[in-house]
Each structure stands twice: as C-alpha cells, then as structure tokens.
Amino acid sequence: KRGSNLQLPPLVLQSLVPSHSRMSDHEEENEEVADLSNPDVTTKYRTAGDIIQKALQKVIEACVADADIATICEMGDKIMEEETGKLYNKKVKDKKIEKGIAFPTCVSVNEIFGHFSPMKGESRILKAGDVAKIDLACHIDGFIAAAAHTIIIGDEKVEDKRADAIMAAWNCAEAALRLVQVGNTNTQITQAFGKITEDFGCKPVQGVLSHQMKKFVIDGNKVIIGAENPEDHVDEFEFEANEVYCIDVVVSTGEGKGKETELRHTVYKRQVDTSYMLKTQKARQFLSEVQKRFPVLPFSLRAIEDEQVARVGISEAKRHGLLEEYPVLKEKDGEFVAQFKFTVLLLPGGTKKITGLPLGPMEKLVVSAKAVTDEEMKKVLASSANPKKQKKKKAGAKDGEDKEDKEDKEGKEGDAKET
C-alpha cells in the first residue's frame, strides 16, 4: 500500500532488496534480530548517521558561488565511501559486512528538485542567492541513514519567497520530529505539513513520501504522504516502538507539482528481478560493472569508470527494463523548492533524530515575514523534541551501552587500520 497511483516518483530512495547471496542462509537471516531491540542494529544506524552528518556538513561548506555541482557531488560520495570504509572491516561468519553509499550525493538548485547528480560535462555552477538542496545517504550492513538540507549560496540576507519556502520546510520538519512518536499516526504529520505550509503561502510537493526503513529496505510499506491529495491514498497507521523512519519534507512556493526536466537522469538502481542478455559489448561491460559494484543500491553514472561505456550501456539497459531511474524534477520557472530530510529511531526512551543539521547561520540570514499561526502547530513546535529521560538505573545502563558502543567503534577503526 505504497500509494502506487502517485503520478510522480517519490523523492525518497527506493527499496534496497537484499541480493540472493545475502539470503543464501535463510536460518541465519531468520534468527537475526534486525530492529532496534538489537543494540548492534542501533549502533550501526547511529554510526551511519554520524557519517552522513559529517559528509553533509562538508558538502555544505563546498557549496559556494562559482563551485561546480558535479565536483561537489563527487566529493560527497568520496567522503561516504572513505568513512564507511574505515569501519566494520572484520568478517562476520566469513562474510564481509556490506557498507557504503546508499544514495549518491545530489545537489538540486532553485526550481529543480529530486536527483540532480550530473556528469562532468553536464554540470552547473552555483551562483550567489541560489537555493541549493543537498541530499545523500549511506549504510552500514544495510542499515541506512539519509539526510537532506537546504542552504542559500553566499552570505546575503534573504527575505523573499525563498525564505518562505525554507522556513516552511524547516518548521514542517521540526513538527514532524515531535509528532513521530509511538502511538501517533502518519495522518497527523500530513495534516501538520498542510497547516504549516499554508501559513507560509507555500505547498508541500505532491508525490513525496516518507518511509519506514528496515535492513536493506528504504521504502517500507508504512508511509507518510507529504501532500494530501484525493488521487493519492495511503493507509493510516500508528508508529510503533523500535521502528526507523526517513522523514522527507519538500516544500514549494509554486503549485507543488513537479514535472520531469530535459536534464539527463544519472541516478539509477538495478532491477534485480529482470534479466536480459544485452547486445553490444559496451552495454554488457556496463551491466557487469553495475552488478559487481551496485547489485541492489542506487548509483550515479558518474561512478562508472568509463563514461562512454556508461552512456552506451544506460541506453540499452533502460530499454530492456534492467534499471530503475530517478528523474530530475522541477517546479515552474521562478519558483523555489526547499527540502529537509532526517532519519529517526523510535527507541524505548523516545524518538531519536540521528541525521539532519540545524539551520545554523541561516537562522539569521533567512528571514520570512510569515510565521506559523495555527495554534495547534505552535503548541507542537513549542514542545521538546528530546527523548524523555528514563529512570536513573536505566539511564546508567544506557550510558554503559554508549561507552561500549564507543569502544566497539574504536575497535572497528583499529581493525580497519590493520586491514
């Protein structure tokens, strides 16, 4: 029940279905506890979250006037690969722990949104005043952390509709953080998005879904739809303990309807259920590289070593349904789209946000004349977003766990250096 009648592809990442090799030993898979009741799973989510926070901050710092978007995207991907490469390098039951990029770095500007991760020759240069949306994700052992952040390029103060979009999206994200609580419903969050965006004269973008995440699954069946729409229906549900969600907020100053652009789509994912013997040597070479390096995870064409192989291979592979593409979307010219995305863990002590940066300098630079006026939403935003404190005894135990987690991470870093 994923809202299959959506007219636009959701901007969230698609299912990361485990490869057949991962599922070869069904007994081990069935015995494994892959939710937050397993402390090791929680640690892997947090570790991936820490890497995303670091990568996101570095990418933001690189987003300056006259910077090249393709170069920035390459840098973001390199950071995720290097940082995940330092950890969990000991084999478990003679198997390597898979880790790395879960979604390539994308930087989409102004009315463009979605998955702009261009090839070198098709890149764009950032300009002062641009509204830049940065989106990326990585994973440790299939446990994925994703984030997105919006910034204004340069140090100018912004008080026009760009500020309205950014502050509407930010307040939506802050409300969602406080509403993703055990016992609350997805409908409450959708309604909050509608009320807050209306106060700012903006609209949530249609077709955007926030999904529950599980091991190697980033678009689980439990979804929060960003924009209420008679044509799009999702089932109502209550949030439960030990669940993980990626909350994706995309807000527009326009109609909130994205259209595909003429820009090249560069982000793809292998359709694992489809096979076909491609005709040309370059196409077979391309698919072989994809199957070896990106068997189930989304990738950017930039990551393919030979660009000509990528261009020829992608055309044939698409024609035979071997790949799923992530389109670059846009609003009307002159409109602006803002995005904030974060990952939350519904832990026994409360909801814990593990990715997503604060507004930082933008708090003073981005000034909207509009504000949240809905009384119910003002009350929600005024409440605390921090997990409730547990009893002293339990809190002490949690501290011990954190210490063990830290020692565990240090040990893994040591293992990485040895290898």
Foldseek 3Di string as FASTA:
>chain_A
DQQVLFPAAALFFAFQDDDPVVCVPVVVVVPDDFFVVDVVNVLFLLLQLVLQQVLVVVLVVQQAFFHKQLVSQVSSQVSQAVSLLLFQQDADVNHGWDKGWQFGKAKAWFQWDGRHNDAPVQIDGHHAQIWIKIWTWIGTSQNIWIKIFIDGHDQAFDADLVLLQRVLQVLLVLLVLLQLAAFHKLVVSLVLSQQSNVLSQKFWAFNHWKAWGTRSTRHDLRIRTNYDDPSGDHDMDGRHARIKIKDKTKMKNDPNYKDFDPRDFFKKFFPLVDDDDFDDPLLVVVVVVCCVPHVRGIDGLNPDPDNVSSVVNVVRCVVRPGMDTITIIGDDPPMGMTMIIWMWHQHPQGIDTSHTDDCPPSVRRRHYPTGNDPPVSVVSSVDDSDGHDDPPVVVVVVVVSVVVSVVSRVVRSVVSVVD
